[in-house]
């Protein structure tokens, strides 16, 4: 019997499951407006972001902050402190959850400040509207190439339904996301200590990759079952599709790690023997023993 997809993902390297957390889309706007697929490879494992054919791929800073806000609200709601509301239906006299609704604030300025952590006026309203619509239609897919060349694939929805009511003044009326039930459960079960420190996130406004790496590294630190792992810098650079010279990339990663290490649940360092990417590693140490519910929700 062929091993199921979940089992395949489970036995892969520990950092592969982190991809779902930070995978959002390209850093820059795709040059081809018709491009609807963004992929990151990890050996035989490939993670895809699939955009709607009409709306396109989400990209850049705003899309990452929208996804971070949604994921954070899911996590806080699992502790009864978030804004995700459960919708119910009755099946055979049993009340069951039919969906998870997250309402978007009516004021886009409030949304920018209180949800995305940006200052009012820092993002063009049309760009915010654009990224909200793109994020609402995205799907995630993971594929694993077997020894015989066959592919095992799994596609996950993100948002099942959404409503955006743009008012004449550019504000939102009653607007919301309906989060896919499986996505909601995945975040709660596998990433429930993954709230980021927004003061640190704000330091990456001009280095967007920093947000991706922060989520990626924190996930690994919080879930490692061994003392540490080492990820080749060259492999990380390929995952992030960064084409800068290797020495420049290493400098960028060192600066990012210095910032995110201020999070008490992150412990990482760049180890370089000769200052070249092929001899450099990102070492991520486990902080699983430091996790506590009190630490996690103290600032909520």
C-alpha atoms as a PDB file:
ATOM      1  CA  UNK A   1       0.000   0.000   0.000  1.00  0.00           C
ATOM      2  CA  UNK A   2       1.360   3.436  -0.915  1.00  0.00           C
ATOM      3  CA  UNK A   3       2.229   5.609   2.032  1.00  0.00           C
ATOM      4  CA  UNK A   4      -0.294   8.401   2.428  1.00  0.00           C
ATOM      5  CA  UNK A   5       0.655  12.018   1.895  1.00  0.00           C
ATOM      6  CA  UNK A   6       0.492  12.987   5.550  1.00  0.00           C
ATOM      7  CA  UNK A   7       2.896  10.187   6.459  1.00  0.00           C
ATOM      8  CA  UNK A   8       5.284  11.265   3.707  1.00  0.00           C
ATOM      9  CA  UNK A   9       5.334  14.840   4.984  1.00  0.00           C
ATOM     10  CA  UNK A  10       5.785  13.611   8.546  1.00  0.00           C
ATOM     11  CA  UNK A  11       8.963  11.719   7.736  1.00  0.00           C
ATOM     12  CA  UNK A  12      10.548  14.555   5.748  1.00  0.00           C
ATOM     13  CA  UNK A  13      13.044  16.994   7.283  1.00  0.00           C
ATOM     14  CA  UNK A  14      11.604  18.950  10.177  1.00  0.00           C
ATOM     15  CA  UNK A  15      11.745  22.266   8.386  1.00  0.00           C
ATOM     16  CA  UNK A  16       9.565  21.202   5.444  1.00  0.00           C
ATOM     17  CA  UNK A  17       6.293  21.572   7.361  1.00  0.00           C
ATOM     18  CA  UNK A  18       7.190  25.171   8.138  1.00  0.00           C
ATOM     19  CA  UNK A  19       6.644  26.095   4.502  1.00  0.00           C
ATOM     20  CA  UNK A  20       2.867  26.263   4.865  1.00  0.00           C
ATOM     21  CA  UNK A  21       3.304  28.938   7.510  1.00  0.00           C
ATOM     22  CA  UNK A  22       5.385  31.422   5.562  1.00  0.00           C
ATOM     23  CA  UNK A  23       4.509  30.468   2.007  1.00  0.00           C
ATOM     24  CA  UNK A  24       2.567  33.432   0.642  1.00  0.00           C
ATOM     25  CA  UNK A  25       3.879  34.330  -2.794  1.00  0.00           C
ATOM     26  CA  UNK A  26       6.737  36.141  -4.499  1.00  0.00           C
ATOM     27  CA  UNK A  27       8.451  39.092  -2.832  1.00  0.00           C
ATOM     28  CA  UNK A  28       8.072  41.236  -5.943  1.00  0.00           C
ATOM     29  CA  UNK A  29       5.141  41.623  -8.299  1.00  0.00           C
ATOM     30  CA  UNK A  30       5.445  38.959 -11.041  1.00  0.00           C
ATOM     31  CA  UNK A  31       6.584  40.422 -14.338  1.00  0.00           C
ATOM     32  CA  UNK A  32       4.058  38.259 -16.121  1.00  0.00           C
ATOM     33  CA  UNK A  33       0.566  39.333 -15.039  1.00  0.00           C
ATOM     34  CA  UNK A  34      -0.741  35.924 -16.116  1.00  0.00           C
ATOM     35  CA  UNK A  35       1.581  34.048 -13.751  1.00  0.00           C
ATOM     36  CA  UNK A  36      -0.534  32.195 -11.199  1.00  0.00           C
ATOM     37  CA  UNK A  37       1.853  29.666  -9.625  1.00  0.00           C
ATOM     38  CA  UNK A  38       4.694  30.290  -7.176  1.00  0.00           C
ATOM     39  CA  UNK A  39       6.797  27.307  -6.087  1.00  0.00           C
ATOM     40  CA  UNK A  40       9.556  26.511  -3.606  1.00  0.00           C
ATOM     41  CA  UNK A  41      11.410  23.196  -3.820  1.00  0.00           C
ATOM     42  CA  UNK A  42      12.888  21.183  -0.962  1.00  0.00           C
ATOM     43  CA  UNK A  43      14.544  18.252  -2.689  1.00  0.00           C
ATOM     44  CA  UNK A  44      11.729  15.967  -3.798  1.00  0.00           C
ATOM     45  CA  UNK A  45       9.172  18.063  -1.941  1.00  0.00           C
ATOM     46  CA  UNK A  46       7.641  21.082  -3.700  1.00  0.00           C
ATOM     47  CA  UNK A  47       5.305  23.644  -2.168  1.00  0.00           C
ATOM     48  CA  UNK A  48       3.079  25.759  -4.408  1.00  0.00           C
ATOM     49  CA  UNK A  49       1.021  28.908  -4.010  1.00  0.00           C
ATOM     50  CA  UNK A  50      -1.705  28.902  -6.657  1.00  0.00           C
ATOM     51  CA  UNK A  51      -3.434  32.165  -7.485  1.00  0.00           C
ATOM     52  CA  UNK A  52      -6.752  32.669  -9.223  1.00  0.00           C
ATOM     53  CA  UNK A  53      -6.497  32.937 -13.020  1.00  0.00           C
ATOM     54  CA  UNK A  54      -8.440  36.225 -13.022  1.00  0.00           C
ATOM     55  CA  UNK A  55      -7.054  37.817  -9.843  1.00  0.00           C
ATOM     56  CA  UNK A  56      -3.452  36.629  -9.886  1.00  0.00           C
ATOM     57  CA  UNK A  57      -0.894  35.727  -7.240  1.00  0.00           C
ATOM     58  CA  UNK A  58      -0.557  37.609  -3.962  1.00  0.00           C
ATOM     59  CA  UNK A  59       2.875  39.175  -3.555  1.00  0.00           C
ATOM     60  CA  UNK A  60       4.952  41.537  -1.478  1.00  0.00           C
ATOM     61  CA  UNK A  61       4.695  42.911   2.043  1.00  0.00           C
ATOM     62  CA  UNK A  62       0.937  43.444   2.344  1.00  0.00           C
ATOM     63  CA  UNK A  63      -0.011  39.876   1.365  1.00  0.00           C
ATOM     64  CA  UNK A  64       2.382  38.519   4.011  1.00  0.00           C
ATOM     65  CA  UNK A  65       0.922  40.756   6.696  1.00  0.00           C
ATOM     66  CA  UNK A  66      -2.637  39.761   5.738  1.00  0.00           C
ATOM     67  CA  UNK A  67      -1.781  36.059   6.042  1.00  0.00           C
ATOM     68  CA  UNK A  68       0.081  36.697   9.297  1.00  0.00           C
ATOM     69  CA  UNK A  69      -2.990  38.496  10.679  1.00  0.00           C
ATOM     70  CA  UNK A  70      -5.318  35.646   9.657  1.00  0.00           C
ATOM     71  CA  UNK A  71      -3.030  32.966  11.114  1.00  0.00           C
ATOM     72  CA  UNK A  72      -2.591  34.945  14.338  1.00  0.00           C
ATOM     73  CA  UNK A  73      -6.353  35.375  14.757  1.00  0.00           C
ATOM     74  CA  UNK A  74      -6.799  31.630  14.235  1.00  0.00           C
ATOM     75  CA  UNK A  75      -4.248  30.884  16.954  1.00  0.00           C
ATOM     76  CA  UNK A  76      -5.677  33.359  19.455  1.00  0.00           C
ATOM     77  CA  UNK A  77      -9.193  32.103  18.733  1.00  0.00           C
ATOM     78  CA  UNK A  78      -8.099  28.596  19.693  1.00  0.00           C
ATOM     79  CA  UNK A  79      -7.501  30.070  23.163  1.00  0.00           C
ATOM     80  CA  UNK A  80     -10.813  31.923  23.135  1.00  0.00           C
ATOM     81  CA  UNK A  81      -9.169  35.316  22.687  1.00  0.00           C
ATOM     82  CA  UNK A  82      -9.306  35.913  18.941  1.00  0.00           C
ATOM     83  CA  UNK A  83     -11.862  37.333  16.525  1.00  0.00           C
ATOM     84  CA  UNK A  84     -12.640  34.240  14.449  1.00  0.00           C
ATOM     85  CA  UNK A  85     -16.301  33.307  14.862  1.00  0.00           C
ATOM     86  CA  UNK A  86     -17.662  29.806  14.391  1.00  0.00           C
ATOM     87  CA  UNK A  87     -20.716  29.337  12.206  1.00  0.00           C
ATOM     88  CA  UNK A  88     -22.919  26.353  12.981  1.00  0.00           C
ATOM     89  CA  UNK A  89     -25.410  24.185  11.142  1.00  0.00           C
ATOM     90  CA  UNK A  90     -27.580  21.378  12.514  1.00  0.00           C
ATOM     91  CA  UNK A  91     -27.146  17.888  11.033  1.00  0.00           C
ATOM     92  CA  UNK A  92     -29.331  15.106  12.423  1.00  0.00           C
ATOM     93  CA  UNK A  93     -30.091  17.139  15.531  1.00  0.00           C
ATOM     94  CA  UNK A  94     -26.383  17.738  16.126  1.00  0.00           C
ATOM     95  CA  UNK A  95     -24.906  21.240  16.048  1.00  0.00           C
ATOM     96  CA  UNK A  96     -21.657  21.195  14.067  1.00  0.00           C
ATOM     97  CA  UNK A  97     -19.225  23.891  12.936  1.00  0.00           C
ATOM     98  CA  UNK A  98     -19.835  24.843   9.309  1.00  0.00           C
ATOM     99  CA  UNK A  99     -17.167  27.511   8.948  1.00  0.00           C
ATOM    100  CA  UNK A 100     -14.808  29.996  10.535  1.00  0.00           C
ATOM    101  CA  UNK A 101     -15.603  33.637   9.860  1.00  0.00           C
ATOM    102  CA  UNK A 102     -13.095  36.463  10.312  1.00  0.00           C
ATOM    103  CA  UNK A 103     -14.584  39.923   9.891  1.00  0.00           C
ATOM    104  CA  UNK A 104     -12.412  42.659   8.389  1.00  0.00           C
ATOM    105  CA  UNK A 105     -12.610  46.048  10.156  1.00  0.00           C
ATOM    106  CA  UNK A 106     -14.777  48.601   8.333  1.00  0.00           C
ATOM    107  CA  UNK A 107     -12.018  51.204   8.406  1.00  0.00           C
ATOM    108  CA  UNK A 108      -9.061  50.353   6.213  1.00  0.00           C
ATOM    109  CA  UNK A 109      -6.942  52.732   8.295  1.00  0.00           C
ATOM    110  CA  UNK A 110      -7.832  50.738  11.425  1.00  0.00           C
ATOM    111  CA  UNK A 111      -7.092  47.554   9.514  1.00  0.00           C
ATOM    112  CA  UNK A 112      -3.659  48.846   8.528  1.00  0.00           C
ATOM    113  CA  UNK A 113      -2.776  50.006  12.035  1.00  0.00           C
ATOM    114  CA  UNK A 114      -4.416  47.439  14.320  1.00  0.00           C
ATOM    115  CA  UNK A 115      -4.301  44.310  12.173  1.00  0.00           C
ATOM    116  CA  UNK A 116      -1.314  44.687   9.875  1.00  0.00           C
ATOM    117  CA  UNK A 117       0.851  46.821  12.167  1.00  0.00           C
ATOM    118  CA  UNK A 118       1.427  49.531   9.563  1.00  0.00           C
ATOM    119  CA  UNK A 119       0.973  53.266   9.869  1.00  0.00           C
ATOM    120  CA  UNK A 120      -2.056  54.942   8.330  1.00  0.00           C
ATOM    121  CA  UNK A 121      -1.315  56.021   4.777  1.00  0.00           C
ATOM    122  CA  UNK A 122       1.774  53.805   4.477  1.00  0.00           C
ATOM    123  CA  UNK A 123       0.081  51.612   1.870  1.00  0.00           C
ATOM    124  CA  UNK A 124      -1.988  52.689  -1.095  1.00  0.00           C
ATOM    125  CA  UNK A 125      -5.605  51.689  -0.493  1.00  0.00           C
ATOM    126  CA  UNK A 126      -5.891  50.179  -3.972  1.00  0.00           C
ATOM    127  CA  UNK A 127      -2.872  47.989  -3.259  1.00  0.00           C
ATOM    128  CA  UNK A 128      -4.433  46.849   0.008  1.00  0.00           C
ATOM    129  CA  UNK A 129      -7.702  46.038  -1.774  1.00  0.00           C
ATOM    130  CA  UNK A 130      -5.756  44.219  -4.489  1.00  0.00           C
ATOM    131  CA  UNK A 131      -3.879  41.991  -2.028  1.00  0.00           C
ATOM    132  CA  UNK A 132      -7.013  41.232   0.016  1.00  0.00           C
ATOM    133  CA  UNK A 133      -8.754  39.958  -3.126  1.00  0.00           C
ATOM    134  CA  UNK A 134      -5.707  37.935  -4.228  1.00  0.00           C
ATOM    135  CA  UNK A 135      -5.234  36.339  -0.802  1.00  0.00           C
ATOM    136  CA  UNK A 136      -8.923  35.411  -0.668  1.00  0.00           C
ATOM    137  CA  UNK A 137      -8.616  33.220  -3.767  1.00  0.00           C
ATOM    138  CA  UNK A 138      -5.264  31.501  -3.179  1.00  0.00           C
ATOM    139  CA  UNK A 139      -4.735  27.743  -2.703  1.00  0.00           C
ATOM    140  CA  UNK A 140      -1.730  25.789  -1.436  1.00  0.00           C
ATOM    141  CA  UNK A 141      -0.432  22.552  -2.914  1.00  0.00           C
ATOM    142  CA  UNK A 142       2.330  20.193  -1.817  1.00  0.00           C
ATOM    143  CA  UNK A 143       3.779  17.449  -4.018  1.00  0.00           C
ATOM    144  CA  UNK A 144       6.300  14.737  -3.240  1.00  0.00           C
ATOM    145  CA  UNK A 145       8.214  12.857  -5.934  1.00  0.00           C
ATOM    146  CA  UNK A 146       8.455   9.127  -5.151  1.00  0.00           C
ATOM    147  CA  UNK A 147      11.434   6.908  -6.044  1.00  0.00           C
ATOM    148  CA  UNK A 148       9.536   5.615  -9.079  1.00  0.00           C
ATOM    149  CA  UNK A 149       8.955   9.166 -10.319  1.00  0.00           C
ATOM    150  CA  UNK A 150       5.279   9.283  -9.410  1.00  0.00           C
ATOM    151  CA  UNK A 151       3.890  12.278  -7.536  1.00  0.00           C
ATOM    152  CA  UNK A 152       1.856  12.334  -4.356  1.00  0.00           C
ATOM    153  CA  UNK A 153      -0.041  15.621  -4.170  1.00  0.00           C
ATOM    154  CA  UNK A 154      -2.278  17.400  -1.723  1.00  0.00           C
ATOM    155  CA  UNK A 155      -4.130  20.669  -2.325  1.00  0.00           C
ATOM    156  CA  UNK A 156      -5.321  22.834   0.547  1.00  0.00           C
ATOM    157  CA  UNK A 157      -7.804  25.672   0.403  1.00  0.00           C
ATOM    158  CA  UNK A 158      -7.082  28.790   2.426  1.00  0.00           C
ATOM    159  CA  UNK A 159     -10.209  30.932   2.206  1.00  0.00           C
ATOM    160  CA  UNK A 160     -13.427  29.163   1.169  1.00  0.00           C
ATOM    161  CA  UNK A 161     -15.503  32.286   0.761  1.00  0.00           C
ATOM    162  CA  UNK A 162     -15.091  36.019   1.136  1.00  0.00           C
ATOM    163  CA  UNK A 163     -17.040  39.219   0.810  1.00  0.00           C
ATOM    164  CA  UNK A 164     -15.609  42.663   0.136  1.00  0.00           C
ATOM    165  CA  UNK A 165     -17.933  45.639   0.139  1.00  0.00           C
ATOM    166  CA  UNK A 166     -16.022  48.678  -1.090  1.00  0.00           C
ATOM    167  CA  UNK A 167     -17.748  51.917  -0.180  1.00  0.00           C
ATOM    168  CA  UNK A 168     -17.554  55.099  -2.244  1.00  0.00           C
ATOM    169  CA  UNK A 169     -15.010  56.594   0.155  1.00  0.00           C
ATOM    170  CA  UNK A 170     -12.697  53.594  -0.304  1.00  0.00           C
ATOM    171  CA  UNK A 171     -13.569  52.046   3.057  1.00  0.00           C
ATOM    172  CA  UNK A 172     -14.930  48.574   3.646  1.00  0.00           C
ATOM    173  CA  UNK A 173     -18.538  47.790   4.426  1.00  0.00           C
ATOM    174  CA  UNK A 174     -19.389  44.444   5.992  1.00  0.00           C
ATOM    175  CA  UNK A 175     -16.503  42.342   4.706  1.00  0.00           C
ATOM    176  CA  UNK A 176     -15.096  39.027   5.849  1.00  0.00           C
ATOM    177  CA  UNK A 177     -13.118  35.880   5.127  1.00  0.00           C
ATOM    178  CA  UNK A 178     -14.469  32.354   5.613  1.00  0.00           C
ATOM    179  CA  UNK A 179     -11.400  30.317   6.546  1.00  0.00           C
ATOM    180  CA  UNK A 180     -11.189  26.741   5.295  1.00  0.00           C
ATOM    181  CA  UNK A 181     -11.848  24.283   8.136  1.00  0.00           C
ATOM    182  CA  UNK A 182      -8.843  22.096   7.349  1.00  0.00           C
ATOM    183  CA  UNK A 183      -6.540  25.102   7.189  1.00  0.00           C
ATOM    184  CA  UNK A 184      -7.918  26.351  10.522  1.00  0.00           C
ATOM    185  CA  UNK A 185      -7.318  22.965  12.156  1.00  0.00           C
ATOM    186  CA  UNK A 186      -3.813  22.689  10.677  1.00  0.00           C
ATOM    187  CA  UNK A 187      -2.780  26.023  12.195  1.00  0.00           C
ATOM    188  CA  UNK A 188      -4.291  25.178  15.588  1.00  0.00           C
ATOM    189  CA  UNK A 189      -2.792  21.696  15.755  1.00  0.00           C
ATOM    190  CA  UNK A 190       0.668  22.392  14.312  1.00  0.00           C
ATOM    191  CA  UNK A 191       1.436  26.080  14.720  1.00  0.00           C
ATOM    192  CA  UNK A 192      -0.362  27.297  17.834  1.00  0.00           C
ATOM    193  CA  UNK A 193       2.706  28.982  19.328  1.00  0.00           C
ATOM    194  CA  UNK A 194       3.559  30.778  16.112  1.00  0.00           C
ATOM    195  CA  UNK A 195       2.501  34.335  16.979  1.00  0.00           C
ATOM    196  CA  UNK A 196       5.220  36.753  15.902  1.00  0.00           C
ATOM    197  CA  UNK A 197       6.369  39.831  17.774  1.00  0.00           C
ATOM    198  CA  UNK A 198       4.980  42.672  15.626  1.00  0.00           C
ATOM    199  CA  UNK A 199       7.677  45.052  16.874  1.00  0.00           C
ATOM    200  CA  UNK A 200      10.195  42.734  15.205  1.00  0.00           C
ATOM    201  CA  UNK A 201       8.057  42.230  12.096  1.00  0.00           C
ATOM    202  CA  UNK A 202       8.018  46.014  11.558  1.00  0.00           C
ATOM    203  CA  UNK A 203      11.802  45.963  11.198  1.00  0.00           C
ATOM    204  CA  UNK A 204      11.374  44.002   7.960  1.00  0.00           C
ATOM    205  CA  UNK A 205       9.192  46.506   6.102  1.00  0.00           C
ATOM    206  CA  UNK A 206      12.028  46.996   3.603  1.00  0.00           C
ATOM    207  CA  UNK A 207      13.456  43.469   3.907  1.00  0.00           C
ATOM    208  CA  UNK A 208      10.347  41.427   3.239  1.00  0.00           C
ATOM    209  CA  UNK A 209      12.231  38.125   3.266  1.00  0.00           C
ATOM    210  CA  UNK A 210      12.822  38.753   6.957  1.00  0.00           C
ATOM    211  CA  UNK A 211       9.143  38.047   7.685  1.00  0.00           C
ATOM    212  CA  UNK A 212       9.359  34.731   5.818  1.00  0.00           C
ATOM    213  CA  UNK A 213      12.546  33.709   7.613  1.00  0.00           C
ATOM    214  CA  UNK A 214      11.165  34.791  10.999  1.00  0.00           C
ATOM    215  CA  UNK A 215       8.119  32.524  10.615  1.00  0.00           C
ATOM    216  CA  UNK A 216      10.217  29.720   9.177  1.00  0.00           C
ATOM    217  CA  UNK A 217      12.872  29.781  11.934  1.00  0.00           C
ATOM    218  CA  UNK A 218      10.411  30.231  14.796  1.00  0.00           C
ATOM    219  CA  UNK A 219       8.379  27.268  13.606  1.00  0.00           C
ATOM    220  CA  UNK A 220      11.464  25.081  13.595  1.00  0.00           C
ATOM    221  CA  UNK A 221      12.724  26.325  16.977  1.00  0.00           C
ATOM    222  CA  UNK A 222       9.333  25.618  18.554  1.00  0.00           C
ATOM    223  CA  UNK A 223       8.785  22.178  17.026  1.00  0.00           C
ATOM    224  CA  UNK A 224      12.235  20.541  16.850  1.00  0.00           C
ATOM    225  CA  UNK A 225      12.399  17.156  18.542  1.00  0.00           C
ATOM    226  CA  UNK A 226      16.199  17.210  18.492  1.00  0.00           C
ATOM    227  CA  UNK A 227      18.598  19.797  19.952  1.00  0.00           C
ATOM    228  CA  UNK A 228      19.262  21.556  16.624  1.00  0.00           C
ATOM    229  CA  UNK A 229      19.388  21.268  12.849  1.00  0.00           C
ATOM    230  CA  UNK A 230      21.635  22.882  10.261  1.00  0.00           C
ATOM    231  CA  UNK A 231      20.294  24.145   6.943  1.00  0.00           C
ATOM    232  CA  UNK A 232      22.816  24.981   4.205  1.00  0.00           C
ATOM    233  CA  UNK A 233      22.711  28.695   3.434  1.00  0.00           C
ATOM    234  CA  UNK A 234      22.874  27.896  -0.263  1.00  0.00           C
ATOM    235  CA  UNK A 235      19.726  25.783   0.041  1.00  0.00           C
ATOM    236  CA  UNK A 236      17.945  28.555   1.952  1.00  0.00           C
ATOM    237  CA  UNK A 237      18.960  31.076  -0.712  1.00  0.00           C
ATOM    238  CA  UNK A 238      17.528  28.811  -3.407  1.00  0.00           C
ATOM    239  CA  UNK A 239      14.271  28.393  -1.478  1.00  0.00           C
ATOM    240  CA  UNK A 240      13.895  32.157  -1.198  1.00  0.00           C
ATOM    241  CA  UNK A 241      14.828  32.544  -4.879  1.00  0.00           C
ATOM    242  CA  UNK A 242      17.399  35.177  -3.937  1.00  0.00           C
ATOM    243  CA  UNK A 243      19.830  35.889  -6.779  1.00  0.00           C
ATOM    244  CA  UNK A 244      22.206  38.180  -4.877  1.00  0.00           C
ATOM    245  CA  UNK A 245      25.898  37.214  -4.459  1.00  0.00           C
ATOM    246  CA  UNK A 246      26.342  34.609  -1.736  1.00  0.00           C
ATOM    247  CA  UNK A 247      28.370  36.890   0.567  1.00  0.00           C
ATOM    248  CA  UNK A 248      25.663  39.558   0.388  1.00  0.00           C
ATOM    249  CA  UNK A 249      22.981  36.984   1.152  1.00  0.00           C
ATOM    250  CA  UNK A 250      24.900  35.738   4.193  1.00  0.00           C
ATOM    251  CA  UNK A 251      25.181  39.317   5.497  1.00  0.00           C
ATOM    252  CA  UNK A 252      21.441  39.790   5.009  1.00  0.00           C
ATOM    253  CA  UNK A 253      20.655  36.549   6.861  1.00  0.00           C
ATOM    254  CA  UNK A 254      22.973  37.491   9.748  1.00  0.00           C
ATOM    255  CA  UNK A 255      21.124  40.805  10.172  1.00  0.00           C
ATOM    256  CA  UNK A 256      17.732  39.094  10.050  1.00  0.00           C
ATOM    257  CA  UNK A 257      18.787  36.450  12.592  1.00  0.00           C
ATOM    258  CA  UNK A 258      20.123  39.143  14.929  1.00  0.00           C
ATOM    259  CA  UNK A 259      16.669  40.740  14.944  1.00  0.00           C
ATOM    260  CA  UNK A 260      14.531  37.626  15.307  1.00  0.00           C
ATOM    261  CA  UNK A 261      16.714  36.219  18.100  1.00  0.00           C
ATOM    262  CA  UNK A 262      15.141  38.929  20.259  1.00  0.00           C
ATOM    263  CA  UNK A 263      12.054  36.699  20.258  1.00  0.00           C
ATOM    264  CA  UNK A 264      12.474  34.442  23.304  1.00  0.00           C
ATOM    265  CA  UNK A 265      11.256  31.421  21.309  1.00  0.00           C
ATOM    266  CA  UNK A 266      13.837  31.841  18.533  1.00  0.00           C
ATOM    267  CA  UNK A 267      17.416  30.606  18.804  1.00  0.00           C
ATOM    268  CA  UNK A 268      19.448  30.573  15.603  1.00  0.00           C
ATOM    269  CA  UNK A 269      22.890  31.462  14.277  1.00  0.00           C
ATOM    270  CA  UNK A 270      24.782  31.535  11.002  1.00  0.00           C
ATOM    271  CA  UNK A 271      27.843  29.304  11.037  1.00  0.00           C
ATOM    272  CA  UNK A 272      30.393  29.985   8.320  1.00  0.00           C
ATOM    273  CA  UNK A 273      33.773  28.283   8.042  1.00  0.00           C
ATOM    274  CA  UNK A 274      35.154  30.113   5.017  1.00  0.00           C
ATOM    275  CA  UNK A 275      32.637  32.901   4.562  1.00  0.00           C
ATOM    276  CA  UNK A 276      31.180  31.253   1.480  1.00  0.00           C
ATOM    277  CA  UNK A 277      27.670  29.957   1.082  1.00  0.00           C
ATOM    278  CA  UNK A 278      28.686  26.377   0.333  1.00  0.00           C
ATOM    279  CA  UNK A 279      30.416  26.213   3.715  1.00  0.00           C
ATOM    280  CA  UNK A 280      27.787  28.180   5.624  1.00  0.00           C
ATOM    281  CA  UNK A 281      24.818  26.897   7.585  1.00  0.00           C
ATOM    282  CA  UNK A 282      21.861  28.306   9.414  1.00  0.00           C
ATOM    283  CA  UNK A 283      21.824  26.479  12.729  1.00  0.00           C
ATOM    284  CA  UNK A 284      18.439  26.490  14.455  1.00  0.00           C
ATOM    285  CA  UNK A 285      18.252  25.377  18.060  1.00  0.00           C
ATOM    286  CA  UNK A 286      15.186  23.969  19.784  1.00  0.00           C
ATOM    287  CA  UNK A 287      13.244  26.229  22.158  1.00  0.00           C
ATOM    288  CA  UNK A 288      10.424  23.735  22.627  1.00  0.00           C
ATOM    289  CA  UNK A 289      11.255  23.454  26.337  1.00  0.00           C
ATOM    290  CA  UNK A 290      10.605  27.183  26.782  1.00  0.00           C
ATOM    291  CA  UNK A 291       7.055  27.138  25.430  1.00  0.00           C
ATOM    292  CA  UNK A 292       4.250  27.869  27.851  1.00  0.00           C
ATOM    293  CA  UNK A 293       0.706  29.070  27.389  1.00  0.00           C
ATOM    294  CA  UNK A 294       1.400  31.976  29.746  1.00  0.00           C
ATOM    295  CA  UNK A 295       4.392  33.160  27.702  1.00  0.00           C
ATOM    296  CA  UNK A 296       2.414  32.805  24.512  1.00  0.00           C
ATOM    297  CA  UNK A 297      -0.647  34.876  25.444  1.00  0.00           C
ATOM    298  CA  UNK A 298       0.896  37.398  27.839  1.00  0.00           C
ATOM    299  CA  UNK A 299       0.793  40.250  25.331  1.00  0.00           C
ATOM    300  CA  UNK A 300      -2.621  39.520  23.852  1.00  0.00           C
END
